[in-house]
Amino acid sequence: MRSSRCSAILPALVLVTLFQGGCAFMEDMGYQTNPNATGILDLFVRPSPEEATAWALDTTNNDRRYQGTLLLANAPFAGEDIYLKLFEDNLQDEDAAVRSAAARGLAHHGGPAQIPLILGALEDEEVLVRLEAARALQRIHSTDAVAPLIARLDQDVEESREVRAMCAHALGQYPEPRVLASLAASIRDQSLAVNRSALEALQFLTGQDFGLDQRAWLEFIAESEDPFVQQVTYTYPYFERDKKWIEYLPVMPQAPNEPKAEPIGMPRQE
C-alpha cells in the first residue's frame, strides 16, 4: 500500500518542483514550456534549429531575435558558415542583447577570421557586448588582439572591472614584453578580480608565481634574460560545475560543462 502511494505521489512532487523553480532553470537551458504537453516527460521542449534560426532573423521582435541568437550560440552545430554569417550580421544589431548573443556565438564557433568584428565589439557602448567580446578573445587567438586588449586594461578606458578581468586573462596567451608590463601594472588595479586574472595570465606566460607582489614581478621581468622560458600552455576559462539537485531527476537536462581547451588558432608550443 505504501509503495503504490509513493509511486502516485512522486510525479506530483516532481511537477510541483518544476513549477517552483524548474521552469526558470529549464528556460535558462534553452527549453520552452510546451503548451501541448500530455505528460511530465514532454512538459518542456527545445526549439528546433529551424525555429531558433527563424527567431534569430525576426526583425520585428528583439526578444525573439535575442533568444534565437543565443540558442544558436550555445548549439554544438552552429559552426557552419551560414550560422557564422548570422552571428556576424547580428553583431551589428540595434539591440544590445542581440549583439551580446552574437558575440557569444562567435566566441563558441568563430575563429581568427572574425577577429576584426570581435575587436569592434570590444569597443561597444554596452558593457554586456564588451564582456562577450572579451570572452571571445580568450577563446580565439590573434596577435591583432594584443594592443586592443592592453588598451582595455586602462581603468580610464574601460570602466567595467569584469571586462578588464577578462581582457587581462586573455593576454595570458601572448608572450610579449609589452604584455608582461601591462599585466604587472594590472596587479595594482582597484579590482581584485582584475588582480587575480592578471596573476593567472602572468603564471601562464612565465611559469612563475609571485602572487600579487607587483615589485617581485617587475624585478623578475627586468632581470630575466627570457621570462617566457617556462611558459605554460594557455587554456581559456571554461564552464564546469557540479550537478544541481534538480538535475538528478531523469527528466532534466544536464549541465553544459565544457572541456579544458586552448584558443582556436593558437600556435602549438614545443
Foldseek 3Di string as FASTA:
>chain_A
DVVVVCVVCVQVVLVVVCVVPVQVVVVVVQWDQDPPDPGPLPRIDHDDLVLLVCQCPPPVDPVSVLSSLLVLLPDPVQLDPVNLVSLLVQCPPPDPSSVLSSLSSCLRRNEPVCLVSLLVQCQDPDVSSVLSSLSSLLAYDDPVCLVSLLVCLDCVRPVDPSSVLSSLLSLLLPQDLVNLVSLLVQLPPPDVSNVVSSQVSLCQQQVDHPDSPSVVSVVCSVPDPRSRPVHHQRWGDWDDDDFDPSCVDPSDDTDPGDDTDHHHPRDDDD
